[in-house]
Amino acid sequence: MKRFKIAVVGCGNVSRMHFDAYQDHPERIQVVAACDPVSEQLSEAQKKYGFAQGFASLEAMIAHAEWDVAVVCTPTPVRSQVVETLAAAQKHIFVEKPFADSYQDAQHMVNTCSQAGVKLAVNQNFRYHYPFEKARELVAQGAVGRVVSIVHQDLMFRQDKGWRTQTQRHALSVMGVHWLDGFRWLLNDVATSVVCETRSSSAIQSVGETEATVQVNFKQGVLASYLESFSSPLPRTETIVLGETGTLVFSYDGLNLFEQKGRATPHMQWENPLRGSHKPEATFIGLNLLLTALEEGTEPPNSGRDNLQTIALLESAYRSAEEHCVIALNEGVPV
């Protein structure tokens, strides 16, 4: 097994999850450098995590440090430029989500990396931090029969700080990108249409939306209904997958499988090993998928190209809310 040298681009809040994740896998990952234009953030990260080299710019880190893969933790609005710079330097890339603010930007980054011959993957860590991967496995095994619908709610009181509160896209970009990706991941299907409404609550200081309701139709006939709230005093996150012969009910803590004959008694219970404080491990899994793809010369399942369908769902939801109409998709691509 090869040990890869990693450089982190951006030392803001989300970078801590990456640093924490990689510290637990020194046999696979060595963080050798990081860069951030905010010197306080860079020095704090270097002091806490002990990487050898710190730089004020990406260009300086490319010029003066030796490493294999970049982990991009920058704000979304500057990500395209960062990816272009890394691709031009022949660096492979693991990028935070949302991968891009628009489908056009996402497609541009995928094309840029493809033309440069570098691999691009996205940290859709909720495929593993939340039980989507387990649900995908059970659905594929036919544990609930043909899936008819998904009902999901994500309620919390969340007051973000910094750049996120100043962007026009908020709750869906922060959390919806996880849920929309998770729906298509567990179904292994593509969306055909999206309808969405958004609202903003005065309880939360944010330029963008704090509430959203979304419905997604999938090609194989499944309807996913999703409610998001950043202003709820009652925290609750739950997903229900309704099949013709059974039902999956899951949250961060784990998953229950109910069969028709058992009614209210779970046929199977599964405890999520990556919940709570174990969340960073899900980020390591995402990066390791990219590292394995580099070793094997394959496309990682969380590739930028795969993530285009997630960004298409996110953009379609925003378009639907803005235009007050249903947005059609063709093979997961906005029409």
C-alpha atoms as a PDB file:
ATOM      1  CA  MET A   1       0.000   0.000   0.000  1.00  0.00           C
ATOM      2  CA  LYS A   2       1.414   3.348  -1.053  1.00  0.00           C
ATOM      3  CA  ARG A   3       1.676   6.271   1.344  1.00  0.00           C
ATOM      4  CA  PHE A   4       0.572   9.504  -0.317  1.00  0.00           C
ATOM      5  CA  LYS A   5       1.789  13.017   0.445  1.00  0.00           C
ATOM      6  CA  ILE A   6      -1.121  15.425   0.882  1.00  0.00           C
ATOM      7  CA  ALA A   7      -1.338  19.233   0.770  1.00  0.00           C
ATOM      8  CA  VAL A   8      -4.373  21.082   2.147  1.00  0.00           C
ATOM      9  CA  VAL A   9      -5.669  24.201   0.394  1.00  0.00           C
ATOM     10  CA  GLY A  10      -7.506  26.384   2.909  1.00  0.00           C
ATOM     11  CA  CYS A  11      -7.313  26.057   6.712  1.00  0.00           C
ATOM     12  CA  GLY A  12     -10.809  27.214   7.659  1.00  0.00           C
ATOM     13  CA  ASN A  13     -13.397  25.327   9.691  1.00  0.00           C
ATOM     14  CA  VAL A  14     -13.989  22.371   7.379  1.00  0.00           C
ATOM     15  CA  SER A  15     -10.251  21.651   7.112  1.00  0.00           C
ATOM     16  CA  ARG A  16     -10.233  20.443  10.729  1.00  0.00           C
ATOM     17  CA  MET A  17     -12.336  17.443   9.768  1.00  0.00           C
ATOM     18  CA  HIS A  18      -9.754  16.550   7.119  1.00  0.00           C
ATOM     19  CA  PHE A  19      -6.750  17.016   9.384  1.00  0.00           C
ATOM     20  CA  ASP A  20      -8.425  14.939  12.107  1.00  0.00           C
ATOM     21  CA  ALA A  21      -9.311  12.191   9.635  1.00  0.00           C
ATOM     22  CA  TYR A  22      -5.843  11.892   8.161  1.00  0.00           C
ATOM     23  CA  GLN A  23      -4.028  11.834  11.509  1.00  0.00           C
ATOM     24  CA  ASP A  24      -5.598   8.433  12.173  1.00  0.00           C
ATOM     25  CA  HIS A  25      -4.118   6.924   8.982  1.00  0.00           C
ATOM     26  CA  PRO A  26      -0.374   7.675   8.926  1.00  0.00           C
ATOM     27  CA  GLU A  27       0.222   4.429   7.029  1.00  0.00           C
ATOM     28  CA  ARG A  28      -1.734   5.837   4.079  1.00  0.00           C
ATOM     29  CA  ILE A  29      -1.507   9.623   4.332  1.00  0.00           C
ATOM     30  CA  GLN A  30       1.144  12.170   5.263  1.00  0.00           C
ATOM     31  CA  VAL A  31       0.026  15.803   5.347  1.00  0.00           C
ATOM     32  CA  VAL A  32       3.180  17.668   4.395  1.00  0.00           C
ATOM     33  CA  ALA A  33       1.925  21.191   3.636  1.00  0.00           C
ATOM     34  CA  ALA A  34      -1.013  23.590   3.711  1.00  0.00           C
ATOM     35  CA  CYS A  35      -1.753  27.073   2.450  1.00  0.00           C
ATOM     36  CA  ASP A  36      -4.094  29.858   3.484  1.00  0.00           C
ATOM     37  CA  PRO A  37      -3.949  33.641   2.869  1.00  0.00           C
ATOM     38  CA  VAL A  38      -5.168  34.206   6.454  1.00  0.00           C
ATOM     39  CA  SER A  39      -1.980  33.806   8.467  1.00  0.00           C
ATOM     40  CA  GLU A  40      -3.799  33.215  11.776  1.00  0.00           C
ATOM     41  CA  GLN A  41      -5.702  30.245  10.355  1.00  0.00           C
ATOM     42  CA  LEU A  42      -2.573  28.784   8.796  1.00  0.00           C
ATOM     43  CA  SER A  43      -0.432  29.126  11.933  1.00  0.00           C
ATOM     44  CA  GLU A  44      -3.186  27.720  14.163  1.00  0.00           C
ATOM     45  CA  ALA A  45      -3.561  24.663  11.919  1.00  0.00           C
ATOM     46  CA  GLN A  46       0.185  24.131  11.661  1.00  0.00           C
ATOM     47  CA  LYS A  47       0.599  24.360  15.438  1.00  0.00           C
ATOM     48  CA  LYS A  48      -2.234  21.904  16.098  1.00  0.00           C
ATOM     49  CA  TYR A  49      -1.539  19.355  13.348  1.00  0.00           C
ATOM     50  CA  GLY A  50       2.196  19.688  12.901  1.00  0.00           C
ATOM     51  CA  PHE A  51       2.568  19.639   9.108  1.00  0.00           C
ATOM     52  CA  ALA A  52       6.032  20.683   7.976  1.00  0.00           C
ATOM     53  CA  GLN A  53       5.367  23.541   5.564  1.00  0.00           C
ATOM     54  CA  GLY A  54       2.905  26.427   5.519  1.00  0.00           C
ATOM     55  CA  PHE A  55       2.354  28.889   2.667  1.00  0.00           C
ATOM     56  CA  ALA A  56       0.385  32.091   2.131  1.00  0.00           C
ATOM     57  CA  SER A  57      -0.611  31.100  -1.418  1.00  0.00           C
ATOM     58  CA  LEU A  58      -1.371  28.032  -3.487  1.00  0.00           C
ATOM     59  CA  GLU A  59       1.202  29.076  -6.075  1.00  0.00           C
ATOM     60  CA  ALA A  60       3.955  29.155  -3.436  1.00  0.00           C
ATOM     61  CA  MET A  61       2.960  25.731  -2.135  1.00  0.00           C
ATOM     62  CA  ILE A  62       3.067  24.265  -5.649  1.00  0.00           C
ATOM     63  CA  ALA A  63       6.484  25.805  -6.267  1.00  0.00           C
ATOM     64  CA  HIS A  64       8.187  24.912  -2.987  1.00  0.00           C
ATOM     65  CA  ALA A  65       6.652  21.714  -1.596  1.00  0.00           C
ATOM     66  CA  GLU A  66       6.528  18.126  -2.850  1.00  0.00           C
ATOM     67  CA  TRP A  67       3.171  16.346  -2.640  1.00  0.00           C
ATOM     68  CA  ASP A  68       0.818  14.089  -4.605  1.00  0.00           C
ATOM     69  CA  VAL A  69      -2.785  15.122  -3.914  1.00  0.00           C
ATOM     70  CA  ALA A  70      -4.463  18.409  -2.976  1.00  0.00           C
ATOM     71  CA  VAL A  71      -7.349  18.518  -0.509  1.00  0.00           C
ATOM     72  CA  VAL A  72      -9.346  21.654  -1.361  1.00  0.00           C
ATOM     73  CA  CYS A  73     -11.194  23.227   1.588  1.00  0.00           C
ATOM     74  CA  THR A  74     -11.752  26.707   0.156  1.00  0.00           C
ATOM     75  CA  PRO A  75     -15.108  28.519   0.010  1.00  0.00           C
ATOM     76  CA  THR A  76     -17.125  27.351  -2.998  1.00  0.00           C
ATOM     77  CA  PRO A  77     -17.047  30.684  -4.908  1.00  0.00           C
ATOM     78  CA  VAL A  78     -13.242  30.527  -5.429  1.00  0.00           C
ATOM     79  CA  ARG A  79     -13.028  26.789  -6.053  1.00  0.00           C
ATOM     80  CA  SER A  80     -12.989  26.822  -9.853  1.00  0.00           C
ATOM     81  CA  GLN A  81      -9.865  28.976  -9.964  1.00  0.00           C
ATOM     82  CA  VAL A  82      -8.143  26.760  -7.387  1.00  0.00           C
ATOM     83  CA  VAL A  83      -8.964  23.590  -9.332  1.00  0.00           C
ATOM     84  CA  GLU A  84      -7.673  25.152 -12.574  1.00  0.00           C
ATOM     85  CA  THR A  85      -4.375  26.053 -10.884  1.00  0.00           C
ATOM     86  CA  LEU A  86      -3.968  22.568  -9.424  1.00  0.00           C
ATOM     87  CA  ALA A  87      -4.841  20.811 -12.672  1.00  0.00           C
ATOM     88  CA  ALA A  88      -2.303  22.926 -14.543  1.00  0.00           C
ATOM     89  CA  ALA A  89       0.307  21.825 -11.972  1.00  0.00           C
ATOM     90  CA  GLN A  90      -0.639  18.149 -12.593  1.00  0.00           C
ATOM     91  CA  LYS A  91      -1.970  17.653  -9.071  1.00  0.00           C
ATOM     92  CA  HIS A  92      -4.799  15.228  -8.302  1.00  0.00           C
ATOM     93  CA  ILE A  93      -7.652  16.803  -6.349  1.00  0.00           C
ATOM     94  CA  PHE A  94     -10.035  15.927  -3.501  1.00  0.00           C
ATOM     95  CA  VAL A  95     -12.508  18.782  -3.139  1.00  0.00           C
ATOM     96  CA  GLU A  96     -15.075  19.752  -0.525  1.00  0.00           C
ATOM     97  CA  LYS A  97     -18.763  20.024  -1.358  1.00  0.00           C
ATOM     98  CA  PRO A  98     -20.729  21.682  -2.760  1.00  0.00           C
ATOM     99  CA  PHE A  99     -18.296  20.918  -5.539  1.00  0.00           C
ATOM    100  CA  ALA A 100     -19.473  24.063  -7.394  1.00  0.00           C
ATOM    101  CA  ASP A 101     -22.091  26.815  -7.240  1.00  0.00           C
ATOM    102  CA  SER A 102     -23.451  25.915 -10.674  1.00  0.00           C
ATOM    103  CA  TYR A 103     -23.620  22.959 -13.031  1.00  0.00           C
ATOM    104  CA  GLN A 104     -21.682  24.985 -15.612  1.00  0.00           C
ATOM    105  CA  ASP A 105     -18.795  25.560 -13.163  1.00  0.00           C
ATOM    106  CA  ALA A 106     -18.808  21.902 -12.142  1.00  0.00           C
ATOM    107  CA  GLN A 107     -18.715  20.737 -15.759  1.00  0.00           C
ATOM    108  CA  HIS A 108     -15.867  23.164 -16.448  1.00  0.00           C
ATOM    109  CA  MET A 109     -13.812  21.753 -13.563  1.00  0.00           C
ATOM    110  CA  VAL A 110     -14.459  18.170 -14.659  1.00  0.00           C
ATOM    111  CA  ASN A 111     -13.393  19.010 -18.215  1.00  0.00           C
ATOM    112  CA  THR A 112     -10.329  20.929 -17.007  1.00  0.00           C
ATOM    113  CA  CYS A 113      -9.116  17.991 -14.928  1.00  0.00           C
ATOM    114  CA  SER A 114      -9.862  15.484 -17.684  1.00  0.00           C
ATOM    115  CA  GLN A 115      -7.879  17.499 -20.227  1.00  0.00           C
ATOM    116  CA  ALA A 116      -4.984  17.834 -17.765  1.00  0.00           C
ATOM    117  CA  GLY A 117      -5.009  14.088 -17.056  1.00  0.00           C
ATOM    118  CA  VAL A 118      -5.575  14.483 -13.304  1.00  0.00           C
ATOM    119  CA  LYS A 119      -8.225  12.811 -11.160  1.00  0.00           C
ATOM    120  CA  LEU A 120     -10.880  14.818  -9.346  1.00  0.00           C
ATOM    121  CA  ALA A 121     -13.017  13.482  -6.479  1.00  0.00           C
ATOM    122  CA  VAL A 122     -15.574  15.071  -4.142  1.00  0.00           C
ATOM    123  CA  ASN A 123     -15.938  14.628  -0.380  1.00  0.00           C
ATOM    124  CA  GLN A 124     -19.555  13.411  -0.293  1.00  0.00           C
ATOM    125  CA  ASN A 125     -18.839  12.123   3.201  1.00  0.00           C
ATOM    126  CA  PHE A 126     -22.506  11.690   4.173  1.00  0.00           C
ATOM    127  CA  ARG A 127     -22.664   8.593   1.993  1.00  0.00           C
ATOM    128  CA  TYR A 128     -20.831   6.980   4.932  1.00  0.00           C
ATOM    129  CA  HIS A 129     -21.300   9.336   7.916  1.00  0.00           C
ATOM    130  CA  TYR A 130     -25.070   8.977   7.411  1.00  0.00           C
ATOM    131  CA  PRO A 131     -26.358   5.432   6.621  1.00  0.00           C
ATOM    132  CA  PHE A 132     -26.860   5.986   2.891  1.00  0.00           C
ATOM    133  CA  GLU A 133     -24.281   3.342   1.986  1.00  0.00           C
ATOM    134  CA  LYS A 134     -25.994   0.734   4.180  1.00  0.00           C
ATOM    135  CA  ALA A 135     -29.390   1.679   2.733  1.00  0.00           C
ATOM    136  CA  ARG A 136     -27.976   1.402  -0.795  1.00  0.00           C
ATOM    137  CA  GLU A 137     -26.702  -2.102   0.015  1.00  0.00           C
ATOM    138  CA  LEU A 138     -30.091  -3.235   1.369  1.00  0.00           C
ATOM    139  CA  VAL A 139     -32.041  -1.722  -1.525  1.00  0.00           C
ATOM    140  CA  ALA A 140     -29.735  -3.454  -4.022  1.00  0.00           C
ATOM    141  CA  GLN A 141     -30.322  -6.758  -2.192  1.00  0.00           C
ATOM    142  CA  GLY A 142     -34.091  -6.312  -2.538  1.00  0.00           C
ATOM    143  CA  ALA A 143     -34.628  -6.074   1.222  1.00  0.00           C
ATOM    144  CA  VAL A 144     -37.655  -3.765   0.804  1.00  0.00           C
ATOM    145  CA  GLY A 145     -38.731  -4.822  -2.682  1.00  0.00           C
ATOM    146  CA  ARG A 146     -39.277  -2.137  -5.305  1.00  0.00           C
ATOM    147  CA  VAL A 147     -38.761   1.293  -3.731  1.00  0.00           C
ATOM    148  CA  VAL A 148     -41.803   3.550  -4.115  1.00  0.00           C
ATOM    149  CA  SER A 149     -40.815   6.704  -2.229  1.00  0.00           C
ATOM    150  CA  ILE A 150     -38.364   8.390   0.111  1.00  0.00           C
ATOM    151  CA  VAL A 151     -39.451  10.794   2.855  1.00  0.00           C
ATOM    152  CA  HIS A 152     -36.694  12.817   4.527  1.00  0.00           C
ATOM    153  CA  GLN A 153     -36.616  15.635   7.062  1.00  0.00           C
ATOM    154  CA  ASP A 154     -33.651  17.556   8.453  1.00  0.00           C
ATOM    155  CA  LEU A 155     -34.598  19.992  11.224  1.00  0.00           C
ATOM    156  CA  MET A 156     -32.118  21.982  13.323  1.00  0.00           C
ATOM    157  CA  PHE A 157     -31.347  25.411  14.716  1.00  0.00           C
ATOM    158  CA  ARG A 158     -28.203  26.419  12.875  1.00  0.00           C
ATOM    159  CA  GLN A 159     -26.622  29.870  12.859  1.00  0.00           C
ATOM    160  CA  ASP A 160     -23.570  29.840  10.603  1.00  0.00           C
ATOM    161  CA  LYS A 161     -20.844  32.485  10.620  1.00  0.00           C
ATOM    162  CA  GLY A 162     -18.520  33.953   8.021  1.00  0.00           C
ATOM    163  CA  TRP A 163     -18.786  33.705   4.260  1.00  0.00           C
ATOM    164  CA  ARG A 164     -21.685  31.236   4.225  1.00  0.00           C
ATOM    165  CA  THR A 165     -24.084  33.778   5.757  1.00  0.00           C
ATOM    166  CA  GLN A 166     -23.342  36.249   2.953  1.00  0.00           C
ATOM    167  CA  THR A 167     -24.126  33.981  -0.005  1.00  0.00           C
ATOM    168  CA  GLN A 168     -27.498  33.812  -1.767  1.00  0.00           C
ATOM    169  CA  ARG A 169     -27.513  30.005  -1.458  1.00  0.00           C
ATOM    170  CA  HIS A 170     -27.479  28.710   2.082  1.00  0.00           C
ATOM    171  CA  ALA A 171     -29.443  25.801   3.627  1.00  0.00           C
ATOM    172  CA  LEU A 172     -29.626  23.690   0.472  1.00  0.00           C
ATOM    173  CA  SER A 173     -25.957  24.296  -0.318  1.00  0.00           C
ATOM    174  CA  VAL A 174     -24.869  23.493   3.231  1.00  0.00           C
ATOM    175  CA  MET A 175     -27.044  20.413   3.893  1.00  0.00           C
ATOM    176  CA  GLY A 176     -29.208  19.755   0.830  1.00  0.00           C
ATOM    177  CA  VAL A 177     -26.163  18.773  -1.184  1.00  0.00           C
ATOM    178  CA  HIS A 178     -25.716  15.835   1.235  1.00  0.00           C
ATOM    179  CA  TRP A 179     -29.322  14.681   1.078  1.00  0.00           C
ATOM    180  CA  LEU A 180     -29.785  15.062  -2.690  1.00  0.00           C
ATOM    181  CA  ASP A 181     -26.559  13.139  -3.271  1.00  0.00           C
ATOM    182  CA  GLY A 182     -27.655  10.508  -0.761  1.00  0.00           C
ATOM    183  CA  PHE A 183     -31.027   9.911  -2.435  1.00  0.00           C
ATOM    184  CA  ARG A 184     -29.518   9.222  -5.835  1.00  0.00           C
ATOM    185  CA  TRP A 185     -26.689   7.200  -4.269  1.00  0.00           C
ATOM    186  CA  LEU A 186     -28.922   4.802  -2.350  1.00  0.00           C
ATOM    187  CA  LEU A 187     -31.257   4.405  -5.356  1.00  0.00           C
ATOM    188  CA  ASN A 188     -28.431   4.135  -7.917  1.00  0.00           C
ATOM    189  CA  ASP A 189     -30.708   6.116 -10.221  1.00  0.00           C
ATOM    190  CA  VAL A 190     -30.918   9.429 -12.079  1.00  0.00           C
ATOM    191  CA  ALA A 191     -33.451  12.200 -11.514  1.00  0.00           C
ATOM    192  CA  THR A 192     -36.035  13.208 -14.110  1.00  0.00           C
ATOM    193  CA  SER A 193     -37.543  16.300 -12.430  1.00  0.00           C
ATOM    194  CA  VAL A 194     -37.212  18.578  -9.392  1.00  0.00           C
ATOM    195  CA  VAL A 195     -39.622  21.019  -7.755  1.00  0.00           C
ATOM    196  CA  CYS A 196     -38.633  23.222  -4.824  1.00  0.00           C
ATOM    197  CA  GLU A 197     -39.767  26.111  -2.652  1.00  0.00           C
ATOM    198  CA  THR A 198     -37.473  28.051  -0.298  1.00  0.00           C
ATOM    199  CA  ARG A 199     -38.063  30.521   2.517  1.00  0.00           C
ATOM    200  CA  SER A 200     -35.955  32.578   4.935  1.00  0.00           C
ATOM    201  CA  SER A 201     -36.595  32.785   8.676  1.00  0.00           C
ATOM    202  CA  SER A 202     -35.805  35.942  10.633  1.00  0.00           C
ATOM    203  CA  ALA A 203     -34.577  33.660  13.429  1.00  0.00           C
ATOM    204  CA  ILE A 204     -31.391  33.040  11.425  1.00  0.00           C
ATOM    205  CA  GLN A 205     -28.995  35.726  10.225  1.00  0.00           C
ATOM    206  CA  SER A 206     -28.318  34.786   6.620  1.00  0.00           C
ATOM    207  CA  VAL A 207     -28.671  36.330   3.180  1.00  0.00           C
ATOM    208  CA  GLY A 208     -29.737  32.981   1.717  1.00  0.00           C
ATOM    209  CA  GLU A 209     -32.589  30.570   2.412  1.00  0.00           C
ATOM    210  CA  THR A 210     -32.986  28.831   5.757  1.00  0.00           C
ATOM    211  CA  GLU A 211     -35.978  26.606   4.847  1.00  0.00           C
ATOM    212  CA  ALA A 212     -36.690  24.420   1.822  1.00  0.00           C
ATOM    213  CA  THR A 213     -39.083  21.762   0.583  1.00  0.00           C
ATOM    214  CA  VAL A 214     -37.951  19.631  -2.357  1.00  0.00           C
ATOM    215  CA  GLN A 215     -39.475  16.817  -4.395  1.00  0.00           C
ATOM    216  CA  VAL A 216     -37.375  14.754  -6.803  1.00  0.00           C
ATOM    217  CA  ASN A 217     -38.719  12.223  -9.309  1.00  0.00           C
ATOM    218  CA  PHE A 218     -36.335   9.463 -10.332  1.00  0.00           C
ATOM    219  CA  LYS A 219     -36.197   7.492 -13.570  1.00  0.00           C
ATOM    220  CA  GLN A 220     -37.275   4.198 -11.988  1.00  0.00           C
ATOM    221  CA  GLY A 221     -40.389   5.819 -10.506  1.00  0.00           C
ATOM    222  CA  VAL A 222     -39.297   6.774  -6.978  1.00  0.00           C
ATOM    223  CA  LEU A 223     -40.510  10.076  -5.519  1.00  0.00           C
ATOM    224  CA  ALA A 224     -38.225  11.641  -2.887  1.00  0.00           C
ATOM    225  CA  SER A 225     -39.744  14.312  -0.617  1.00  0.00           C
ATOM    226  CA  TYR A 226     -37.375  16.387   1.511  1.00  0.00           C
ATOM    227  CA  LEU A 227     -37.862  19.120   4.153  1.00  0.00           C
ATOM    228  CA  GLU A 228     -34.999  21.304   5.437  1.00  0.00           C
ATOM    229  CA  SER A 229     -35.083  23.822   8.292  1.00  0.00           C
ATOM    230  CA  PHE A 230     -32.249  25.782   9.884  1.00  0.00           C
ATOM    231  CA  SER A 231     -34.644  27.559  12.296  1.00  0.00           C
ATOM    232  CA  SER A 232     -36.273  24.630  14.112  1.00  0.00           C
ATOM    233  CA  PRO A 233     -35.882  24.496  17.916  1.00  0.00           C
ATOM    234  CA  LEU A 234     -36.640  20.771  17.592  1.00  0.00           C
ATOM    235  CA  PRO A 235     -33.687  18.847  16.107  1.00  0.00           C
ATOM    236  CA  ARG A 236     -34.690  15.857  14.001  1.00  0.00           C
ATOM    237  CA  THR A 237     -33.070  14.094  11.053  1.00  0.00           C
ATOM    238  CA  GLU A 238     -34.755  10.980   9.655  1.00  0.00           C
ATOM    239  CA  THR A 239     -35.048   9.150   6.360  1.00  0.00           C
ATOM    240  CA  ILE A 240     -37.813   6.693   5.472  1.00  0.00           C
ATOM    241  CA  VAL A 241     -37.455   4.502   2.382  1.00  0.00           C
ATOM    242  CA  LEU A 242     -40.808   2.925   1.520  1.00  0.00           C
ATOM    243  CA  GLY A 243     -40.692  -0.282  -0.515  1.00  0.00           C
ATOM    244  CA  GLU A 244     -43.375  -2.690  -1.669  1.00  0.00           C
ATOM    245  CA  THR A 245     -42.318  -5.380   0.824  1.00  0.00           C
ATOM    246  CA  GLY A 246     -40.549  -3.405   3.542  1.00  0.00           C
ATOM    247  CA  THR A 247     -39.437  -0.057   4.928  1.00  0.00           C
ATOM    248  CA  LEU A 248     -36.078   1.385   5.959  1.00  0.00           C
ATOM    249  CA  VAL A 249     -36.008   4.007   8.728  1.00  0.00           C
ATOM    250  CA  PHE A 250     -32.667   5.590   9.501  1.00  0.00           C
ATOM    251  CA  SER A 251     -30.926   8.520  11.155  1.00  0.00           C
ATOM    252  CA  TYR A 252     -27.354   9.396  12.114  1.00  0.00           C
ATOM    253  CA  ASP A 253     -27.470   6.721  14.830  1.00  0.00           C
ATOM    254  CA  GLY A 254     -28.338   3.770  12.631  1.00  0.00           C
ATOM    255  CA  LEU A 255     -30.899   1.969  10.505  1.00  0.00           C
ATOM    256  CA  ASN A 256     -33.956  -0.214  11.070  1.00  0.00           C
ATOM    257  CA  LEU A 257     -35.464  -2.561   8.493  1.00  0.00           C
ATOM    258  CA  PHE A 258     -39.184  -3.287   8.844  1.00  0.00           C
ATOM    259  CA  GLU A 259     -40.921  -6.042   6.892  1.00  0.00           C
ATOM    260  CA  GLN A 260     -44.653  -6.125   6.201  1.00  0.00           C
ATOM    261  CA  LYS A 261     -45.170  -9.320   8.156  1.00  0.00           C
ATOM    262  CA  GLY A 262     -43.374  -7.897  11.181  1.00  0.00           C
ATOM    263  CA  ARG A 263     -45.284  -4.615  11.177  1.00  0.00           C
ATOM    264  CA  ALA A 264     -43.911  -2.412  13.974  1.00  0.00           C
ATOM    265  CA  THR A 265     -41.050  -4.696  15.052  1.00  0.00           C
ATOM    266  CA  PRO A 266     -37.730  -4.179  13.210  1.00  0.00           C
ATOM    267  CA  HIS A 267     -36.562  -7.228  11.277  1.00  0.00           C
ATOM    268  CA  MET A 268     -33.004  -5.889  11.410  1.00  0.00           C
ATOM    269  CA  GLN A 269     -31.231  -3.124  13.334  1.00  0.00           C
ATOM    270  CA  TRP A 270     -27.873  -1.650  12.361  1.00  0.00           C
ATOM    271  CA  GLU A 271     -25.840   0.783  14.452  1.00  0.00           C
ATOM    272  CA  ASN A 272     -23.883   3.376  12.475  1.00  0.00           C
ATOM    273  CA  PRO A 273     -20.157   3.133  13.354  1.00  0.00           C
ATOM    274  CA  LEU A 274     -19.377   6.519  11.743  1.00  0.00           C
ATOM    275  CA  ARG A 275     -21.838   8.661  13.683  1.00  0.00           C
ATOM    276  CA  GLY A 276     -20.936  11.526  15.998  1.00  0.00           C
ATOM    277  CA  SER A 277     -17.257  11.892  16.813  1.00  0.00           C
ATOM    278  CA  HIS A 278     -16.380   9.223  14.225  1.00  0.00           C
ATOM    279  CA  LYS A 279     -17.484  11.535  11.392  1.00  0.00           C
ATOM    280  CA  PRO A 280     -13.900  12.317  10.185  1.00  0.00           C
ATOM    281  CA  GLU A 281     -13.445   8.662   9.217  1.00  0.00           C
ATOM    282  CA  ALA A 282     -16.061   9.138   6.488  1.00  0.00           C
ATOM    283  CA  THR A 283     -13.853  11.852   4.978  1.00  0.00           C
ATOM    284  CA  PHE A 284     -10.864   9.510   5.011  1.00  0.00           C
ATOM    285  CA  ILE A 285     -12.978   6.935   3.160  1.00  0.00           C
ATOM    286  CA  GLY A 286     -13.701   9.505   0.447  1.00  0.00           C
ATOM    287  CA  LEU A 287     -10.052  10.442   0.003  1.00  0.00           C
ATOM    288  CA  ASN A 288      -8.979   6.804   0.068  1.00  0.00           C
ATOM    289  CA  LEU A 289     -11.382   6.061  -2.795  1.00  0.00           C
ATOM    290  CA  LEU A 290      -9.409   8.601  -4.837  1.00  0.00           C
ATOM    291  CA  LEU A 291      -6.042   7.181  -3.726  1.00  0.00           C
ATOM    292  CA  THR A 292      -7.147   3.660  -4.643  1.00  0.00           C
ATOM    293  CA  ALA A 293      -8.298   4.891  -8.052  1.00  0.00           C
ATOM    294  CA  LEU A 294      -4.861   6.457  -8.586  1.00  0.00           C
ATOM    295  CA  GLU A 295      -3.194   3.120  -7.768  1.00  0.00           C
ATOM    296  CA  GLU A 296      -5.522   1.103  -9.978  1.00  0.00           C
ATOM    297  CA  GLY A 297      -5.922   3.571 -12.836  1.00  0.00           C
ATOM    298  CA  THR A 298      -9.715   3.666 -12.406  1.00  0.00           C
ATOM    299  CA  GLU A 299     -12.411   6.293 -11.830  1.00  0.00           C
ATOM    300  CA  PRO A 300     -13.328   6.785  -8.153  1.00  0.00           C
ATOM    301  CA  PRO A 301     -17.048   6.322  -7.345  1.00  0.00           C
ATOM    302  CA  ASN A 302     -17.057   9.842  -5.861  1.00  0.00           C
ATOM    303  CA  SER A 303     -15.469  11.412  -8.948  1.00  0.00           C
ATOM    304  CA  GLY A 304     -16.217  14.917 -10.106  1.00  0.00           C
ATOM    305  CA  ARG A 305     -18.002  13.437 -13.113  1.00  0.00           C
ATOM    306  CA  ASP A 306     -20.260  11.390 -10.842  1.00  0.00           C
ATOM    307  CA  ASN A 307     -20.916  14.466  -8.703  1.00  0.00           C
ATOM    308  CA  LEU A 308     -22.205  16.415 -11.703  1.00  0.00           C
ATOM    309  CA  GLN A 309     -25.572  14.723 -11.098  1.00  0.00           C
ATOM    310  CA  THR A 310     -25.624  15.965  -7.492  1.00  0.00           C
ATOM    311  CA  ILE A 311     -24.829  19.517  -8.575  1.00  0.00           C
ATOM    312  CA  ALA A 312     -27.527  19.200 -11.246  1.00  0.00           C
ATOM    313  CA  LEU A 313     -30.074  18.356  -8.532  1.00  0.00           C
ATOM    314  CA  LEU A 314     -28.913  21.249  -6.350  1.00  0.00           C
ATOM    315  CA  GLU A 315     -29.006  23.766  -9.204  1.00  0.00           C
ATOM    316  CA  SER A 316     -32.398  22.483 -10.380  1.00  0.00           C
ATOM    317  CA  ALA A 317     -33.813  22.933  -6.873  1.00  0.00           C
ATOM    318  CA  TYR A 318     -32.670  26.556  -6.804  1.00  0.00           C
ATOM    319  CA  ARG A 319     -33.963  27.186 -10.319  1.00  0.00           C
ATOM    320  CA  SER A 320     -37.331  25.711  -9.403  1.00  0.00           C
ATOM    321  CA  ALA A 321     -37.593  27.953  -6.323  1.00  0.00           C
ATOM    322  CA  GLU A 322     -36.626  31.047  -8.320  1.00  0.00           C
ATOM    323  CA  GLU A 323     -38.877  30.336 -11.317  1.00  0.00           C
ATOM    324  CA  HIS A 324     -41.728  28.638  -9.391  1.00  0.00           C
ATOM    325  CA  CYS A 325     -41.872  25.711 -11.775  1.00  0.00           C
ATOM    326  CA  VAL A 326     -40.859  22.086 -12.237  1.00  0.00           C
ATOM    327  CA  ILE A 327     -37.347  21.628 -13.662  1.00  0.00           C
ATOM    328  CA  ALA A 328     -36.928  18.672 -15.999  1.00  0.00           C
ATOM    329  CA  LEU A 329     -33.703  16.661 -16.250  1.00  0.00           C
ATOM    330  CA  ASN A 330     -32.513  14.323 -18.975  1.00  0.00           C
ATOM    331  CA  GLU A 331     -30.363  11.479 -17.641  1.00  0.00           C
ATOM    332  CA  GLY A 332     -29.626  13.608 -14.582  1.00  0.00           C
ATOM    333  CA  VAL A 333     -28.668  16.708 -16.608  1.00  0.00           C
ATOM    334  CA  PRO A 334     -30.791  19.902 -16.443  1.00  0.00           C
ATOM    335  CA  VAL A 335     -32.809  20.488 -19.639  1.00  0.00           C
END
